Amino acid sequence: METIIQQICMNMVEKVLKTLKESKNLSLDIITPEIREESNNTCLSIVEEYIKYVNLEMRNQKKDRKSKGLVIKEKDVDRKVITCLGELEYSRDIYFNKVENVYVKPIDSIFGIEPYERICKNVKADLVDKAIDNSYEKSKNLVGVPNISRQSVRNAILKSNLNNDKSMVVAEKKLLKELHIYADEGHVHLQKPNKIKGRACQIVPLVTITEGTENVSKSRRRTINPYHIVDSSFDTSSLWEKVDEYIVGNYEVDEIKKC
């Protein structure tokens, strides 16, 4: 496994050097995207190879598997998931757990990939964050996943922690001097109920509450602890009630001087 990964890395170095040597324009705007793409592809190959290694290790540990009641039912079942590096495609075995009488996919669990998940959580979080100020199309390009659809960006917003009542209130309220609230109707589009084909989508307000911003680099800032709220029932009053509920439930309101 290590030999294969080393070879993958050597291949990347050769391709990067070839790009630099053969490029007619050495402008950073030209060469760095190509190098980044090659780097991402290499990292994806490394991850895929390591997943393959872990899967085979588990498959070969027959004694340990049987002691846990795991029996292989299907080998090398393909799956794809969008990561911050790009689309990861890997194969894994499916087992039957005789103790619990259920089918399980240990590799998915080991690498934190949930059932039916098509986009990793960190990518979803970035998409939701970027969608505060940008269109779906621009958001996915900024996050570095241009191949996904705008529908996937929309789904990422609606399936994030939006309107999750269980997480609306924390046990201990925070003491802050100010909160930032962003409200924008231009970025969360939901189909109208009984929408006539060809008509425009219903635009629903997206409200994001943050604890300010912080520097990531000299030219980039990010929001602190963003919490996104949207009301899919198209009721703006209900939306702002949820905003108020979240703020009152999570912060000492009397201490907030600016909001």
C-alpha atoms as a PDB file:
ATOM      1  CA  MET A   1       0.000   0.000   0.000  1.00  0.00           C
ATOM      2  CA  GLU A   2       2.748   2.464   0.923  1.00  0.00           C
ATOM      3  CA  THR A   3       4.623   1.665  -2.296  1.00  0.00           C
ATOM      4  CA  ILE A   4       1.525   2.419  -4.351  1.00  0.00           C
ATOM      5  CA  ILE A   5       0.968   5.720  -2.539  1.00  0.00           C
ATOM      6  CA  GLN A   6       4.588   6.713  -3.026  1.00  0.00           C
ATOM      7  CA  GLN A   7       4.235   6.011  -6.740  1.00  0.00           C
ATOM      8  CA  ILE A   8       1.086   8.145  -6.884  1.00  0.00           C
ATOM      9  CA  CYS A   9       3.002  11.018  -5.298  1.00  0.00           C
ATOM     10  CA  MET A  10       5.935  10.613  -7.675  1.00  0.00           C
ATOM     11  CA  ASN A  11       3.551  10.705 -10.631  1.00  0.00           C
ATOM     12  CA  MET A  12       2.090  13.953  -9.337  1.00  0.00           C
ATOM     13  CA  VAL A  13       5.529  15.553  -9.000  1.00  0.00           C
ATOM     14  CA  GLU A  14       6.345  14.578 -12.583  1.00  0.00           C
ATOM     15  CA  LYS A  15       3.070  16.041 -13.878  1.00  0.00           C
ATOM     16  CA  VAL A  16       3.548  19.299 -11.950  1.00  0.00           C
ATOM     17  CA  LEU A  17       7.077  19.713 -13.230  1.00  0.00           C
ATOM     18  CA  LYS A  18       5.893  18.997 -16.759  1.00  0.00           C
ATOM     19  CA  THR A  19       3.182  21.643 -16.388  1.00  0.00           C
ATOM     20  CA  LEU A  20       5.729  24.217 -15.220  1.00  0.00           C
ATOM     21  CA  LYS A  21       8.300  23.400 -17.884  1.00  0.00           C
ATOM     22  CA  GLU A  22       5.896  23.240 -20.828  1.00  0.00           C
ATOM     23  CA  SER A  23       3.635  26.136 -19.902  1.00  0.00           C
ATOM     24  CA  LYS A  24       3.944  29.057 -22.332  1.00  0.00           C
ATOM     25  CA  ASN A  25       2.546  31.397 -19.713  1.00  0.00           C
ATOM     26  CA  LEU A  26       3.949  31.169 -16.163  1.00  0.00           C
ATOM     27  CA  SER A  27       1.396  33.575 -14.734  1.00  0.00           C
ATOM     28  CA  LEU A  28       0.236  32.306 -11.346  1.00  0.00           C
ATOM     29  CA  ASP A  29      -3.348  32.763 -12.530  1.00  0.00           C
ATOM     30  CA  ILE A  30      -2.640  30.146 -15.194  1.00  0.00           C
ATOM     31  CA  ILE A  31      -0.401  27.579 -13.515  1.00  0.00           C
ATOM     32  CA  THR A  32      -1.727  27.450  -9.943  1.00  0.00           C
ATOM     33  CA  PRO A  33      -5.252  26.209 -10.864  1.00  0.00           C
ATOM     34  CA  GLU A  34      -3.665  23.407 -12.904  1.00  0.00           C
ATOM     35  CA  ILE A  35      -1.340  22.469 -10.050  1.00  0.00           C
ATOM     36  CA  ARG A  36      -4.181  22.594  -7.540  1.00  0.00           C
ATOM     37  CA  GLU A  37      -6.302  20.308  -9.695  1.00  0.00           C
ATOM     38  CA  GLU A  38      -3.436  17.836 -10.027  1.00  0.00           C
ATOM     39  CA  SER A  39      -2.822  18.003  -6.275  1.00  0.00           C
ATOM     40  CA  ASN A  40      -6.495  17.356  -5.491  1.00  0.00           C
ATOM     41  CA  ASN A  41      -6.626  14.424  -7.902  1.00  0.00           C
ATOM     42  CA  THR A  42      -3.517  12.963  -6.305  1.00  0.00           C
ATOM     43  CA  CYS A  43      -4.939  13.314  -2.798  1.00  0.00           C
ATOM     44  CA  LEU A  44      -8.169  11.670  -3.941  1.00  0.00           C
ATOM     45  CA  SER A  45      -6.169   8.744  -5.345  1.00  0.00           C
ATOM     46  CA  ILE A  46      -4.311   8.398  -2.044  1.00  0.00           C
ATOM     47  CA  VAL A  47      -7.546   8.380  -0.041  1.00  0.00           C
ATOM     48  CA  GLU A  48      -9.116   5.857  -2.426  1.00  0.00           C
ATOM     49  CA  GLU A  49      -6.074   3.620  -2.122  1.00  0.00           C
ATOM     50  CA  TYR A  50      -6.127   3.806   1.677  1.00  0.00           C
ATOM     51  CA  ILE A  51      -9.849   2.983   1.816  1.00  0.00           C
ATOM     52  CA  LYS A  52      -9.152  -0.002  -0.429  1.00  0.00           C
ATOM     53  CA  TYR A  53      -6.379  -1.103   1.960  1.00  0.00           C
ATOM     54  CA  VAL A  54      -8.613  -0.831   5.066  1.00  0.00           C
ATOM     55  CA  ASN A  55     -11.411  -2.704   3.282  1.00  0.00           C
ATOM     56  CA  LEU A  56      -9.097  -5.583   2.330  1.00  0.00           C
ATOM     57  CA  GLU A  57      -7.623  -5.727   5.832  1.00  0.00           C
ATOM     58  CA  MET A  58     -11.087  -6.158   7.299  1.00  0.00           C
ATOM     59  CA  ARG A  59     -12.014  -8.728   4.673  1.00  0.00           C
ATOM     60  CA  ASN A  60      -8.919 -10.813   5.463  1.00  0.00           C
ATOM     61  CA  GLN A  61      -9.429 -10.735   9.240  1.00  0.00           C
ATOM     62  CA  LYS A  62     -11.896 -13.611   9.097  1.00  0.00           C
ATOM     63  CA  LYS A  63     -11.473 -14.785  12.670  1.00  0.00           C
ATOM     64  CA  ASP A  64     -12.067 -11.328  14.117  1.00  0.00           C
ATOM     65  CA  ARG A  65     -15.062 -10.733  11.854  1.00  0.00           C
ATOM     66  CA  LYS A  66     -16.724 -14.030  12.745  1.00  0.00           C
ATOM     67  CA  SER A  67     -16.288 -13.347  16.449  1.00  0.00           C
ATOM     68  CA  LYS A  68     -18.353 -10.189  15.900  1.00  0.00           C
ATOM     69  CA  GLY A  69     -20.963 -12.006  13.811  1.00  0.00           C
ATOM     70  CA  LEU A  70     -19.995 -10.271  10.538  1.00  0.00           C
ATOM     71  CA  VAL A  71     -20.447 -12.234   7.327  1.00  0.00           C
ATOM     72  CA  ILE A  72     -19.575 -10.832   3.896  1.00  0.00           C
ATOM     73  CA  LYS A  73     -22.668 -10.578   1.692  1.00  0.00           C
ATOM     74  CA  GLU A  74     -21.291  -8.518  -1.207  1.00  0.00           C
ATOM     75  CA  LYS A  75     -17.775  -7.454  -2.184  1.00  0.00           C
ATOM     76  CA  ASP A  76     -16.483  -4.234  -3.759  1.00  0.00           C
ATOM     77  CA  VAL A  77     -19.728  -2.285  -3.945  1.00  0.00           C
ATOM     78  CA  ASP A  78     -19.042   1.119  -5.484  1.00  0.00           C
ATOM     79  CA  ARG A  79     -19.966   4.425  -3.921  1.00  0.00           C
ATOM     80  CA  LYS A  80     -19.322   8.089  -4.717  1.00  0.00           C
ATOM     81  CA  VAL A  81     -19.223  11.090  -2.397  1.00  0.00           C
ATOM     82  CA  ILE A  82     -18.299  14.734  -2.976  1.00  0.00           C
ATOM     83  CA  THR A  83     -15.383  15.874  -0.773  1.00  0.00           C
ATOM     84  CA  CYS A  84     -13.456  19.148  -0.582  1.00  0.00           C
ATOM     85  CA  LEU A  85     -10.923  17.486  -2.901  1.00  0.00           C
ATOM     86  CA  GLY A  86     -13.533  16.537  -5.498  1.00  0.00           C
ATOM     87  CA  GLU A  87     -15.565  13.415  -6.179  1.00  0.00           C
ATOM     88  CA  LEU A  88     -14.283  10.406  -4.244  1.00  0.00           C
ATOM     89  CA  GLU A  89     -15.104   7.031  -5.766  1.00  0.00           C
ATOM     90  CA  TYR A  90     -14.362   3.928  -3.727  1.00  0.00           C
ATOM     91  CA  SER A  91     -15.394   0.300  -3.269  1.00  0.00           C
ATOM     92  CA  ARG A  92     -16.248  -1.465  -0.040  1.00  0.00           C
ATOM     93  CA  ASP A  93     -17.718  -4.718   1.224  1.00  0.00           C
ATOM     94  CA  ILE A  94     -21.205  -5.091   2.677  1.00  0.00           C
ATOM     95  CA  TYR A  95     -21.630  -7.393   5.680  1.00  0.00           C
ATOM     96  CA  PHE A  96     -24.502  -9.024   7.480  1.00  0.00           C
ATOM     97  CA  ASN A  97     -24.374  -8.681  11.264  1.00  0.00           C
ATOM     98  CA  LYS A  98     -25.860 -11.927  12.597  1.00  0.00           C
ATOM     99  CA  VAL A  99     -25.892 -10.604  16.150  1.00  0.00           C
ATOM    100  CA  GLU A 100     -28.064  -7.569  15.386  1.00  0.00           C
ATOM    101  CA  ASN A 101     -29.696  -9.077  12.276  1.00  0.00           C
ATOM    102  CA  VAL A 102     -28.868  -6.079  10.047  1.00  0.00           C
ATOM    103  CA  TYR A 103     -26.740  -5.284   6.985  1.00  0.00           C
ATOM    104  CA  VAL A 104     -23.777  -3.046   7.745  1.00  0.00           C
ATOM    105  CA  LYS A 105     -21.120  -1.141   5.796  1.00  0.00           C
ATOM    106  CA  PRO A 106     -18.141  -0.852   8.180  1.00  0.00           C
ATOM    107  CA  ILE A 107     -15.992   1.170   5.770  1.00  0.00           C
ATOM    108  CA  ASP A 108     -18.639   3.889   5.521  1.00  0.00           C
ATOM    109  CA  SER A 109     -18.807   4.039   9.319  1.00  0.00           C
ATOM    110  CA  ILE A 110     -15.020   4.089   9.757  1.00  0.00           C
ATOM    111  CA  PHE A 111     -14.647   7.039   7.380  1.00  0.00           C
ATOM    112  CA  GLY A 112     -17.689   8.897   8.725  1.00  0.00           C
ATOM    113  CA  ILE A 113     -19.830   8.622   5.598  1.00  0.00           C
ATOM    114  CA  GLU A 114     -23.513   8.473   6.480  1.00  0.00           C
ATOM    115  CA  PRO A 115     -26.116   6.412   4.580  1.00  0.00           C
ATOM    116  CA  TYR A 116     -27.260   8.101   1.357  1.00  0.00           C
ATOM    117  CA  GLU A 117     -24.849  10.992   1.942  1.00  0.00           C
ATOM    118  CA  ARG A 118     -23.637  12.398  -1.393  1.00  0.00           C
ATOM    119  CA  ILE A 119     -21.770  15.446  -0.087  1.00  0.00           C
ATOM    120  CA  CYS A 120     -19.440  15.515   2.941  1.00  0.00           C
ATOM    121  CA  LYS A 121     -20.513  17.620   5.910  1.00  0.00           C
ATOM    122  CA  ASN A 122     -17.647  20.115   5.655  1.00  0.00           C
ATOM    123  CA  VAL A 123     -18.476  20.734   1.990  1.00  0.00           C
ATOM    124  CA  LYS A 124     -22.151  21.224   2.867  1.00  0.00           C
ATOM    125  CA  ALA A 125     -21.193  23.702   5.593  1.00  0.00           C
ATOM    126  CA  ASP A 126     -19.030  25.671   3.153  1.00  0.00           C
ATOM    127  CA  LEU A 127     -21.810  25.692   0.553  1.00  0.00           C
ATOM    128  CA  VAL A 128     -24.337  27.023   3.069  1.00  0.00           C
ATOM    129  CA  ASP A 129     -21.858  29.657   4.262  1.00  0.00           C
ATOM    130  CA  LYS A 130     -21.066  30.846   0.728  1.00  0.00           C
ATOM    131  CA  ALA A 131     -24.765  30.891  -0.236  1.00  0.00           C
ATOM    132  CA  ILE A 132     -25.335  33.700   2.271  1.00  0.00           C
ATOM    133  CA  ASP A 133     -23.738  36.191  -0.103  1.00  0.00           C
ATOM    134  CA  ASN A 134     -23.637  34.369  -3.438  1.00  0.00           C
ATOM    135  CA  SER A 135     -25.803  32.523  -5.940  1.00  0.00           C
ATOM    136  CA  TYR A 136     -25.878  28.717  -5.976  1.00  0.00           C
ATOM    137  CA  GLU A 137     -23.687  28.666  -9.083  1.00  0.00           C
ATOM    138  CA  LYS A 138     -21.036  30.940  -7.602  1.00  0.00           C
ATOM    139  CA  SER A 139     -21.174  29.201  -4.221  1.00  0.00           C
ATOM    140  CA  LYS A 140     -20.252  25.787  -5.611  1.00  0.00           C
ATOM    141  CA  ASN A 141     -17.401  27.289  -7.620  1.00  0.00           C
ATOM    142  CA  LEU A 142     -16.051  29.123  -4.583  1.00  0.00           C
ATOM    143  CA  VAL A 143     -16.137  25.944  -2.521  1.00  0.00           C
ATOM    144  CA  GLY A 144     -14.301  24.092  -5.292  1.00  0.00           C
ATOM    145  CA  VAL A 145     -17.008  21.628  -6.325  1.00  0.00           C
ATOM    146  CA  PRO A 146     -18.113  23.024  -9.714  1.00  0.00           C
ATOM    147  CA  ASN A 147     -19.404  19.663 -10.953  1.00  0.00           C
ATOM    148  CA  ILE A 148     -22.315  19.449  -8.532  1.00  0.00           C
ATOM    149  CA  SER A 149     -25.702  20.864  -9.517  1.00  0.00           C
ATOM    150  CA  ARG A 150     -27.343  23.991  -8.138  1.00  0.00           C
ATOM    151  CA  GLN A 151     -30.058  21.674  -6.850  1.00  0.00           C
ATOM    152  CA  SER A 152     -27.420  19.967  -4.687  1.00  0.00           C
ATOM    153  CA  VAL A 153     -26.452  23.341  -3.204  1.00  0.00           C
ATOM    154  CA  ARG A 154     -30.098  24.031  -2.444  1.00  0.00           C
ATOM    155  CA  ASN A 155     -30.474  20.617  -0.806  1.00  0.00           C
ATOM    156  CA  ALA A 156     -27.351  21.204   1.271  1.00  0.00           C
ATOM    157  CA  ILE A 157     -28.934  24.359   2.674  1.00  0.00           C
ATOM    158  CA  LEU A 158     -32.272  22.753   3.444  1.00  0.00           C
ATOM    159  CA  LYS A 159     -30.720  19.614   4.961  1.00  0.00           C
ATOM    160  CA  SER A 160     -28.213  21.431   7.161  1.00  0.00           C
ATOM    161  CA  ASN A 161     -29.030  22.469  10.721  1.00  0.00           C
ATOM    162  CA  LEU A 162     -31.702  24.836   9.438  1.00  0.00           C
ATOM    163  CA  ASN A 163     -34.725  24.977  11.719  1.00  0.00           C
ATOM    164  CA  ASN A 164     -33.475  22.093  13.844  1.00  0.00           C
ATOM    165  CA  ASP A 165     -35.515  22.745  16.961  1.00  0.00           C
ATOM    166  CA  LYS A 166     -33.385  20.394  19.062  1.00  0.00           C
ATOM    167  CA  SER A 167     -30.351  22.610  18.511  1.00  0.00           C
ATOM    168  CA  MET A 168     -32.158  25.952  18.837  1.00  0.00           C
ATOM    169  CA  VAL A 169     -31.342  26.346  22.544  1.00  0.00           C
ATOM    170  CA  VAL A 170     -28.157  25.575  24.459  1.00  0.00           C
ATOM    171  CA  ALA A 171     -27.748  24.787  28.146  1.00  0.00           C
ATOM    172  CA  GLU A 172     -25.566  27.821  28.931  1.00  0.00           C
ATOM    173  CA  LYS A 173     -26.155  31.168  27.266  1.00  0.00           C
ATOM    174  CA  LYS A 174     -23.232  33.105  25.791  1.00  0.00           C
ATOM    175  CA  LEU A 175     -22.203  36.621  26.770  1.00  0.00           C
ATOM    176  CA  LEU A 176     -21.541  38.678  23.639  1.00  0.00           C
ATOM    177  CA  LYS A 177     -21.539  42.387  22.904  1.00  0.00           C
ATOM    178  CA  GLU A 178     -22.811  42.015  19.362  1.00  0.00           C
ATOM    179  CA  LEU A 179     -24.377  39.588  16.889  1.00  0.00           C
ATOM    180  CA  HIS A 180     -24.442  39.803  13.111  1.00  0.00           C
ATOM    181  CA  ILE A 181     -27.685  38.934  11.330  1.00  0.00           C
ATOM    182  CA  TYR A 182     -27.784  38.462   7.558  1.00  0.00           C
ATOM    183  CA  ALA A 183     -31.153  38.307   5.845  1.00  0.00           C
ATOM    184  CA  ASP A 184     -31.318  37.688   2.110  1.00  0.00           C
ATOM    185  CA  GLU A 185     -34.198  36.594  -0.101  1.00  0.00           C
ATOM    186  CA  GLY A 186     -32.029  35.973  -3.108  1.00  0.00           C
ATOM    187  CA  HIS A 187     -30.344  32.692  -2.334  1.00  0.00           C
ATOM    188  CA  VAL A 188     -32.809  30.122  -0.981  1.00  0.00           C
ATOM    189  CA  HIS A 189     -35.217  29.044  -3.697  1.00  0.00           C
ATOM    190  CA  LEU A 190     -38.011  26.566  -3.004  1.00  0.00           C
ATOM    191  CA  GLN A 191     -40.606  25.325  -5.424  1.00  0.00           C
ATOM    192  CA  LYS A 192     -44.021  26.809  -4.781  1.00  0.00           C
ATOM    193  CA  PRO A 193     -46.656  24.299  -3.747  1.00  0.00           C
ATOM    194  CA  ASN A 194     -48.695  23.389  -6.850  1.00  0.00           C
ATOM    195  CA  LYS A 195     -46.356  25.504  -8.967  1.00  0.00           C
ATOM    196  CA  ILE A 196     -47.343  25.855 -12.598  1.00  0.00           C
ATOM    197  CA  LYS A 197     -44.629  24.476 -14.855  1.00  0.00           C
ATOM    198  CA  GLY A 198     -42.426  27.214 -16.268  1.00  0.00           C
ATOM    199  CA  ARG A 199     -43.175  29.758 -13.550  1.00  0.00           C
ATOM    200  CA  ALA A 200     -40.466  31.178 -11.315  1.00  0.00           C
ATOM    201  CA  CYS A 201     -39.541  29.461  -8.065  1.00  0.00           C
ATOM    202  CA  GLN A 202     -40.762  30.802  -4.745  1.00  0.00           C
ATOM    203  CA  ILE A 203     -37.968  32.750  -3.050  1.00  0.00           C
ATOM    204  CA  VAL A 204     -37.720  32.152   0.689  1.00  0.00           C
ATOM    205  CA  PRO A 205     -35.708  34.383   3.039  1.00  0.00           C
ATOM    206  CA  LEU A 206     -32.547  32.872   4.504  1.00  0.00           C
ATOM    207  CA  VAL A 207     -31.460  34.336   7.837  1.00  0.00           C
ATOM    208  CA  THR A 208     -27.986  33.685   9.167  1.00  0.00           C
ATOM    209  CA  ILE A 209     -26.953  34.597  12.711  1.00  0.00           C
ATOM    210  CA  THR A 210     -23.231  34.824  13.461  1.00  0.00           C
ATOM    211  CA  GLU A 211     -20.989  35.965  16.292  1.00  0.00           C
ATOM    212  CA  GLY A 212     -19.036  38.249  13.992  1.00  0.00           C
ATOM    213  CA  THR A 213     -16.190  37.507  11.620  1.00  0.00           C
ATOM    214  CA  GLU A 214     -12.541  36.533  11.923  1.00  0.00           C
ATOM    215  CA  ASN A 215      -9.500  36.642   9.670  1.00  0.00           C
ATOM    216  CA  VAL A 216      -8.518  33.421   7.924  1.00  0.00           C
ATOM    217  CA  SER A 217      -5.772  35.058   5.873  1.00  0.00           C
ATOM    218  CA  LYS A 218      -4.814  38.557   4.764  1.00  0.00           C
ATOM    219  CA  SER A 219      -7.472  38.575   2.078  1.00  0.00           C
ATOM    220  CA  ARG A 220     -10.121  36.302   3.527  1.00  0.00           C
ATOM    221  CA  ARG A 221     -12.529  36.408   6.455  1.00  0.00           C
ATOM    222  CA  ARG A 222     -15.114  33.935   7.690  1.00  0.00           C
ATOM    223  CA  THR A 223     -18.154  34.083   9.922  1.00  0.00           C
ATOM    224  CA  ILE A 224     -17.950  32.795  13.502  1.00  0.00           C
ATOM    225  CA  ASN A 225     -20.431  30.068  14.519  1.00  0.00           C
ATOM    226  CA  PRO A 226     -22.985  30.743  11.777  1.00  0.00           C
ATOM    227  CA  TYR A 227     -26.503  29.434  12.371  1.00  0.00           C
ATOM    228  CA  HIS A 228     -28.840  29.329   9.371  1.00  0.00           C
ATOM    229  CA  ILE A 229     -32.620  29.509   9.610  1.00  0.00           C
ATOM    230  CA  VAL A 230     -35.164  29.204   6.810  1.00  0.00           C
ATOM    231  CA  ASP A 231     -38.905  28.589   6.921  1.00  0.00           C
ATOM    232  CA  SER A 232     -40.042  26.268   4.127  1.00  0.00           C
ATOM    233  CA  SER A 233     -43.693  27.072   4.887  1.00  0.00           C
ATOM    234  CA  PHE A 234     -43.184  30.484   3.226  1.00  0.00           C
ATOM    235  CA  ASP A 235     -44.142  32.302   6.453  1.00  0.00           C
ATOM    236  CA  THR A 236     -41.782  35.228   7.039  1.00  0.00           C
ATOM    237  CA  SER A 237     -43.324  36.032  10.431  1.00  0.00           C
ATOM    238  CA  SER A 238     -42.664  32.477  11.595  1.00  0.00           C
ATOM    239  CA  LEU A 239     -39.096  32.772  10.346  1.00  0.00           C
ATOM    240  CA  TRP A 240     -38.377  35.866  12.444  1.00  0.00           C
ATOM    241  CA  GLU A 241     -40.008  34.266  15.462  1.00  0.00           C
ATOM    242  CA  LYS A 242     -37.488  31.428  15.117  1.00  0.00           C
ATOM    243  CA  VAL A 243     -34.678  33.962  14.848  1.00  0.00           C
ATOM    244  CA  ASP A 244     -35.843  35.605  18.066  1.00  0.00           C
ATOM    245  CA  GLU A 245     -36.217  32.220  19.766  1.00  0.00           C
ATOM    246  CA  TYR A 246     -32.677  31.235  18.796  1.00  0.00           C
ATOM    247  CA  ILE A 247     -31.125  34.492  20.038  1.00  0.00           C
ATOM    248  CA  VAL A 248     -33.056  34.537  23.318  1.00  0.00           C
ATOM    249  CA  GLY A 249     -32.321  30.861  23.912  1.00  0.00           C
ATOM    250  CA  ASN A 250     -28.585  31.048  23.234  1.00  0.00           C
ATOM    251  CA  TYR A 251     -27.401  34.507  24.325  1.00  0.00           C
ATOM    252  CA  GLU A 252     -27.787  36.852  27.261  1.00  0.00           C
ATOM    253  CA  VAL A 253     -29.861  39.418  25.397  1.00  0.00           C
ATOM    254  CA  ASP A 254     -29.272  42.199  27.947  1.00  0.00           C
ATOM    255  CA  GLU A 255     -25.540  42.016  27.223  1.00  0.00           C
ATOM    256  CA  ILE A 256     -25.928  42.489  23.458  1.00  0.00           C
ATOM    257  CA  LYS A 257     -25.187  46.108  22.547  1.00  0.00           C
ATOM    258  CA  LYS A 258     -25.275  45.749  18.761  1.00  0.00           C
ATOM    259  CA  CYS A 259     -27.327  43.409  16.615  1.00  0.00           C
END
